[in-house]
N, C-alpha and C. Protein backbone atom coordinates (compact mmCIF):
# COMPACT_ATOMS: atom_id res chain seq x y z
N MET A 1 15.86 -3.86 12.58
CA MET A 1 15.01 -4.36 11.54
C MET A 1 14.61 -5.81 11.80
N ASP A 2 14.71 -6.29 13.00
CA ASP A 2 14.47 -7.68 13.26
C ASP A 2 12.99 -8.08 13.25
N ARG A 3 12.08 -7.16 13.54
CA ARG A 3 10.68 -7.53 13.67
C ARG A 3 9.88 -7.30 12.39
N THR A 4 10.42 -6.54 11.44
CA THR A 4 9.68 -6.27 10.22
C THR A 4 9.70 -7.48 9.32
N GLY A 5 8.72 -7.57 8.44
CA GLY A 5 8.66 -8.66 7.51
C GLY A 5 7.97 -9.90 8.06
N LYS A 6 7.65 -9.93 9.34
CA LYS A 6 6.96 -11.06 9.93
C LYS A 6 5.46 -10.81 9.88
N LYS A 7 4.74 -11.77 9.35
CA LYS A 7 3.30 -11.61 9.26
C LYS A 7 2.66 -11.92 10.61
N THR A 8 1.72 -11.08 10.97
CA THR A 8 0.91 -11.33 12.15
C THR A 8 -0.55 -11.19 11.74
N SER A 9 -1.43 -11.52 12.64
CA SER A 9 -2.86 -11.46 12.30
C SER A 9 -3.36 -10.03 12.16
N ASP A 10 -2.62 -9.07 12.66
CA ASP A 10 -3.09 -7.69 12.59
C ASP A 10 -2.37 -6.86 11.53
N MET A 11 -1.85 -7.52 10.51
CA MET A 11 -1.19 -6.81 9.41
C MET A 11 -2.25 -6.34 8.41
N ARG A 12 -1.96 -5.26 7.71
CA ARG A 12 -2.84 -4.72 6.68
C ARG A 12 -2.06 -4.57 5.38
N HIS A 13 -2.75 -4.77 4.27
CA HIS A 13 -2.14 -4.64 2.96
C HIS A 13 -2.16 -3.17 2.55
N VAL A 14 -1.05 -2.69 1.99
CA VAL A 14 -0.94 -1.32 1.49
C VAL A 14 -0.34 -1.37 0.10
N SER A 15 -0.90 -0.60 -0.79
CA SER A 15 -0.37 -0.53 -2.15
C SER A 15 -0.26 0.93 -2.56
N PHE A 16 0.86 1.30 -3.14
CA PHE A 16 1.04 2.68 -3.57
C PHE A 16 2.10 2.73 -4.66
N ARG A 17 2.19 3.85 -5.33
CA ARG A 17 3.19 4.05 -6.38
C ARG A 17 4.30 4.95 -5.85
N MET A 18 5.50 4.75 -6.41
CA MET A 18 6.62 5.62 -6.08
C MET A 18 7.46 5.80 -7.33
N PRO A 19 8.23 6.89 -7.38
CA PRO A 19 9.10 7.11 -8.54
C PRO A 19 10.08 5.94 -8.71
N ALA A 20 10.39 5.62 -9.96
CA ALA A 20 11.25 4.47 -10.27
C ALA A 20 12.62 4.58 -9.60
N GLU A 21 13.18 5.78 -9.56
CA GLU A 21 14.52 5.92 -8.95
C GLU A 21 14.47 5.69 -7.44
N VAL A 22 13.39 6.10 -6.81
CA VAL A 22 13.24 5.85 -5.37
C VAL A 22 13.07 4.36 -5.14
N HIS A 23 12.28 3.71 -5.97
CA HIS A 23 12.08 2.26 -5.88
C HIS A 23 13.42 1.53 -6.00
N ARG A 24 14.22 1.93 -6.97
CA ARG A 24 15.53 1.29 -7.15
C ARG A 24 16.40 1.47 -5.90
N ASP A 25 16.36 2.66 -5.33
CA ASP A 25 17.15 2.90 -4.11
C ASP A 25 16.73 1.96 -2.98
N TYR A 26 15.42 1.82 -2.78
CA TYR A 26 14.93 0.95 -1.71
C TYR A 26 15.21 -0.52 -2.00
N VAL A 27 15.10 -0.92 -3.26
CA VAL A 27 15.43 -2.30 -3.62
C VAL A 27 16.91 -2.56 -3.36
N ASP A 28 17.77 -1.60 -3.69
CA ASP A 28 19.21 -1.75 -3.43
C ASP A 28 19.48 -1.90 -1.94
N VAL A 29 18.81 -1.09 -1.13
CA VAL A 29 18.98 -1.20 0.33
C VAL A 29 18.51 -2.57 0.80
N ALA A 30 17.37 -3.02 0.30
CA ALA A 30 16.84 -4.32 0.70
C ALA A 30 17.82 -5.44 0.34
N GLN A 31 18.35 -5.41 -0.87
CA GLN A 31 19.29 -6.44 -1.29
C GLN A 31 20.56 -6.42 -0.45
N SER A 32 21.03 -5.23 -0.12
CA SER A 32 22.25 -5.14 0.69
C SER A 32 22.04 -5.68 2.10
N ARG A 33 20.79 -5.66 2.58
CA ARG A 33 20.47 -6.17 3.92
C ARG A 33 19.98 -7.61 3.89
N GLY A 34 19.77 -8.13 2.69
CA GLY A 34 19.33 -9.51 2.58
C GLY A 34 17.86 -9.71 2.92
N VAL A 35 17.05 -8.67 2.70
CA VAL A 35 15.62 -8.76 2.96
C VAL A 35 14.87 -8.30 1.72
N ASP A 36 13.55 -8.41 1.76
CA ASP A 36 12.78 -7.96 0.60
C ASP A 36 12.38 -6.49 0.78
N LEU A 37 11.83 -5.95 -0.29
CA LEU A 37 11.43 -4.53 -0.30
C LEU A 37 10.39 -4.25 0.78
N SER A 38 9.47 -5.15 0.98
CA SER A 38 8.43 -4.97 2.00
C SER A 38 9.04 -4.77 3.39
N ALA A 39 10.06 -5.55 3.71
CA ALA A 39 10.71 -5.43 5.02
C ALA A 39 11.36 -4.07 5.19
N VAL A 40 12.01 -3.58 4.13
CA VAL A 40 12.65 -2.26 4.21
C VAL A 40 11.60 -1.17 4.38
N LEU A 41 10.51 -1.24 3.61
CA LEU A 41 9.46 -0.22 3.73
C LEU A 41 8.81 -0.27 5.11
N ASN A 42 8.57 -1.46 5.65
CA ASN A 42 8.04 -1.57 7.02
C ASN A 42 9.00 -0.95 8.02
N TRP A 43 10.27 -1.20 7.86
CA TRP A 43 11.29 -0.64 8.75
C TRP A 43 11.28 0.88 8.69
N VAL A 44 11.28 1.44 7.47
CA VAL A 44 11.27 2.90 7.30
C VAL A 44 10.02 3.50 7.93
N LEU A 45 8.88 2.90 7.66
CA LEU A 45 7.62 3.42 8.21
C LEU A 45 7.59 3.34 9.73
N THR A 46 8.11 2.25 10.28
CA THR A 46 8.15 2.09 11.73
C THR A 46 9.07 3.12 12.38
N GLU A 47 10.20 3.37 11.74
CA GLU A 47 11.14 4.36 12.28
C GLU A 47 10.56 5.78 12.23
N MET A 48 9.80 6.09 11.20
CA MET A 48 9.25 7.44 11.03
C MET A 48 7.95 7.67 11.81
N GLN A 49 7.28 6.62 12.23
CA GLN A 49 5.98 6.76 12.88
C GLN A 49 6.00 7.71 14.08
N PRO A 50 6.94 7.58 15.03
CA PRO A 50 6.94 8.52 16.16
C PRO A 50 7.12 9.97 15.73
N VAL A 51 7.94 10.20 14.73
CA VAL A 51 8.17 11.57 14.24
C VAL A 51 6.88 12.13 13.65
N LEU A 52 6.21 11.32 12.85
CA LEU A 52 4.96 11.78 12.23
C LEU A 52 3.88 12.02 13.28
N LEU A 53 3.81 11.15 14.28
CA LEU A 53 2.81 11.34 15.34
C LEU A 53 3.11 12.61 16.14
N LEU A 54 4.38 12.88 16.38
CA LEU A 54 4.75 14.11 17.08
C LEU A 54 4.37 15.32 16.25
N ARG A 55 4.63 15.27 14.96
CA ARG A 55 4.24 16.39 14.09
C ARG A 55 2.73 16.58 14.09
N ARG A 56 1.98 15.47 14.07
CA ARG A 56 0.53 15.59 14.11
C ARG A 56 0.07 16.21 15.43
N ALA A 57 0.70 15.81 16.53
CA ALA A 57 0.35 16.38 17.84
C ALA A 57 0.70 17.86 17.88
N GLU A 58 1.85 18.23 17.33
CA GLU A 58 2.23 19.64 17.29
C GLU A 58 1.23 20.44 16.45
N HIS A 59 0.81 19.86 15.34
CA HIS A 59 -0.20 20.52 14.51
C HIS A 59 -1.51 20.67 15.27
N GLY A 60 -1.90 19.60 15.97
CA GLY A 60 -3.12 19.66 16.77
C GLY A 60 -3.03 20.74 17.85
N ALA A 61 -1.87 20.84 18.49
CA ALA A 61 -1.68 21.87 19.51
C ALA A 61 -1.76 23.26 18.90
N ALA A 62 -1.16 23.42 17.71
CA ALA A 62 -1.23 24.71 17.03
C ALA A 62 -2.67 25.05 16.67
N MET A 63 -3.43 24.06 16.24
CA MET A 63 -4.83 24.29 15.91
C MET A 63 -5.62 24.68 17.17
N LEU A 64 -5.31 24.03 18.29
CA LEU A 64 -5.99 24.37 19.54
C LEU A 64 -5.63 25.79 19.99
N ARG A 65 -4.37 26.17 19.79
CA ARG A 65 -3.98 27.55 20.12
C ARG A 65 -4.74 28.53 19.23
N ALA A 66 -4.90 28.18 17.96
CA ALA A 66 -5.65 29.04 17.04
C ALA A 66 -7.11 29.15 17.47
N VAL A 67 -7.68 28.05 17.93
CA VAL A 67 -9.06 28.10 18.43
C VAL A 67 -9.11 28.98 19.68
N GLY A 68 -8.08 28.86 20.53
CA GLY A 68 -8.03 29.66 21.75
C GLY A 68 -7.97 31.14 21.47
N VAL A 69 -7.33 31.52 20.37
CA VAL A 69 -7.25 32.93 20.00
C VAL A 69 -8.65 33.48 19.72
N ASN A 70 -9.51 32.63 19.18
CA ASN A 70 -10.87 33.06 18.85
C ASN A 70 -11.83 32.98 20.03
N MET A 71 -11.35 32.46 21.16
CA MET A 71 -12.21 32.38 22.35
C MET A 71 -12.34 33.78 22.95
N PRO A 72 -13.47 34.05 23.53
CA PRO A 72 -13.64 35.37 24.16
C PRO A 72 -12.61 35.59 25.26
N GLN A 73 -12.00 36.75 25.25
CA GLN A 73 -11.01 37.09 26.26
C GLN A 73 -11.72 37.77 27.43
N GLY A 74 -11.18 37.62 28.60
CA GLY A 74 -11.77 38.27 29.76
C GLY A 74 -12.31 37.24 30.73
N THR A 75 -12.98 37.73 31.74
CA THR A 75 -13.45 36.84 32.80
C THR A 75 -14.80 36.23 32.51
N GLY A 76 -15.58 36.84 31.68
CA GLY A 76 -16.92 36.33 31.42
C GLY A 76 -16.93 35.30 30.32
N ALA A 77 -18.12 34.80 30.05
CA ALA A 77 -18.29 33.80 29.01
C ALA A 77 -18.63 34.43 27.67
N GLY A 78 -18.54 35.73 27.58
CA GLY A 78 -18.87 36.40 26.34
C GLY A 78 -20.35 36.67 26.23
N SER A 79 -20.76 37.04 25.04
CA SER A 79 -22.16 37.40 24.85
C SER A 79 -23.05 36.17 24.74
N ASN A 80 -22.49 35.02 24.39
CA ASN A 80 -23.29 33.82 24.24
C ASN A 80 -22.64 32.68 25.03
N PRO A 81 -23.02 32.49 26.29
CA PRO A 81 -22.37 31.45 27.12
C PRO A 81 -22.53 30.04 26.57
N GLN A 82 -23.65 29.74 25.94
CA GLN A 82 -23.85 28.40 25.40
C GLN A 82 -22.87 28.11 24.26
N GLU A 83 -22.68 29.10 23.41
CA GLU A 83 -21.73 28.94 22.30
C GLU A 83 -20.31 28.79 22.83
N THR A 84 -19.97 29.57 23.83
CA THR A 84 -18.63 29.49 24.43
C THR A 84 -18.42 28.13 25.06
N LEU A 85 -19.43 27.63 25.78
CA LEU A 85 -19.34 26.31 26.40
C LEU A 85 -19.17 25.22 25.33
N ALA A 86 -19.90 25.33 24.25
CA ALA A 86 -19.78 24.35 23.16
C ALA A 86 -18.37 24.36 22.58
N ARG A 87 -17.79 25.54 22.41
CA ARG A 87 -16.41 25.65 21.91
C ARG A 87 -15.42 25.03 22.88
N VAL A 88 -15.60 25.32 24.15
CA VAL A 88 -14.70 24.77 25.17
C VAL A 88 -14.80 23.24 25.18
N GLU A 89 -16.01 22.70 25.09
CA GLU A 89 -16.18 21.25 25.07
C GLU A 89 -15.53 20.64 23.83
N GLN A 90 -15.63 21.33 22.70
CA GLN A 90 -15.00 20.85 21.47
C GLN A 90 -13.48 20.83 21.63
N VAL A 91 -12.92 21.87 22.21
CA VAL A 91 -11.47 21.93 22.43
C VAL A 91 -11.04 20.83 23.39
N ILE A 92 -11.82 20.60 24.44
CA ILE A 92 -11.49 19.54 25.40
C ILE A 92 -11.51 18.17 24.72
N CYS A 93 -12.49 17.92 23.88
CA CYS A 93 -12.55 16.65 23.14
C CYS A 93 -11.33 16.49 22.25
N GLN A 94 -10.93 17.56 21.58
CA GLN A 94 -9.75 17.50 20.73
C GLN A 94 -8.49 17.22 21.55
N LEU A 95 -8.38 17.87 22.70
CA LEU A 95 -7.24 17.64 23.58
C LEU A 95 -7.21 16.20 24.08
N GLN A 96 -8.37 15.67 24.47
CA GLN A 96 -8.44 14.29 24.94
C GLN A 96 -8.06 13.31 23.84
N ASP A 97 -8.49 13.60 22.62
CA ASP A 97 -8.15 12.74 21.48
C ASP A 97 -6.64 12.73 21.24
N VAL A 98 -6.04 13.90 21.24
CA VAL A 98 -4.59 14.00 21.04
C VAL A 98 -3.86 13.29 22.18
N ALA A 99 -4.31 13.51 23.42
CA ALA A 99 -3.65 12.90 24.58
C ALA A 99 -3.75 11.38 24.54
N SER A 100 -4.92 10.84 24.19
CA SER A 100 -5.07 9.39 24.16
C SER A 100 -4.23 8.77 23.05
N LYS A 101 -4.17 9.43 21.90
CA LYS A 101 -3.35 8.90 20.80
C LYS A 101 -1.87 8.94 21.16
N LEU A 102 -1.44 10.02 21.80
CA LEU A 102 -0.04 10.10 22.21
C LEU A 102 0.28 9.06 23.27
N ALA A 103 -0.62 8.86 24.22
CA ALA A 103 -0.40 7.86 25.27
C ALA A 103 -0.31 6.47 24.67
N MET A 104 -1.20 6.18 23.73
CA MET A 104 -1.17 4.88 23.07
C MET A 104 0.14 4.71 22.31
N GLN A 105 0.55 5.75 21.58
CA GLN A 105 1.79 5.67 20.82
C GLN A 105 2.99 5.52 21.73
N MET A 106 2.99 6.20 22.84
CA MET A 106 4.11 6.09 23.77
C MET A 106 4.20 4.67 24.30
N GLY A 107 3.05 4.05 24.57
CA GLY A 107 3.05 2.65 25.01
C GLY A 107 3.60 1.73 23.95
N ILE A 108 3.24 1.96 22.71
CA ILE A 108 3.75 1.15 21.60
C ILE A 108 5.25 1.36 21.45
N ALA A 109 5.69 2.61 21.51
CA ALA A 109 7.11 2.91 21.36
C ALA A 109 7.91 2.29 22.50
N GLN A 110 7.38 2.34 23.72
CA GLN A 110 8.09 1.77 24.86
C GLN A 110 8.20 0.26 24.74
N ARG A 111 7.13 -0.38 24.23
CA ARG A 111 7.18 -1.84 24.04
C ARG A 111 8.22 -2.20 22.98
N ARG A 112 8.33 -1.37 21.92
CA ARG A 112 9.32 -1.64 20.87
C ARG A 112 10.74 -1.55 21.41
N THR A 113 10.99 -0.51 22.22
CA THR A 113 12.35 -0.33 22.73
C THR A 113 12.68 -1.40 23.76
N ALA A 114 11.67 -1.91 24.46
CA ALA A 114 11.92 -2.96 25.46
C ALA A 114 12.20 -4.31 24.79
N ALA A 115 11.68 -4.49 23.58
CA ALA A 115 11.85 -5.80 22.90
C ALA A 115 13.22 -5.97 22.31
């Protein structure tokens, strides 16, 4: 928890509501660690970020598999080659998006563990 709570130029403000009992729990944790609530929430969010990104990637992969199920099976391009090509290009774009986000996240995670 050493890096949370420090303001940098690339910080963003977030505001949200939470149940009172959950708020009390987080405030208690913050007080026991000698930090403010914001630092604890930043810590929790930072710890969960890789898990959430992995879940998003898994969901993206499942969606791509679902798209693949609808692709024409066999050696040909189906009855409409242009439509098939458009679908393939869309799937490739989605794969590239997922891959670039994962690569970026892996770089961020590696920098965190190195620090």
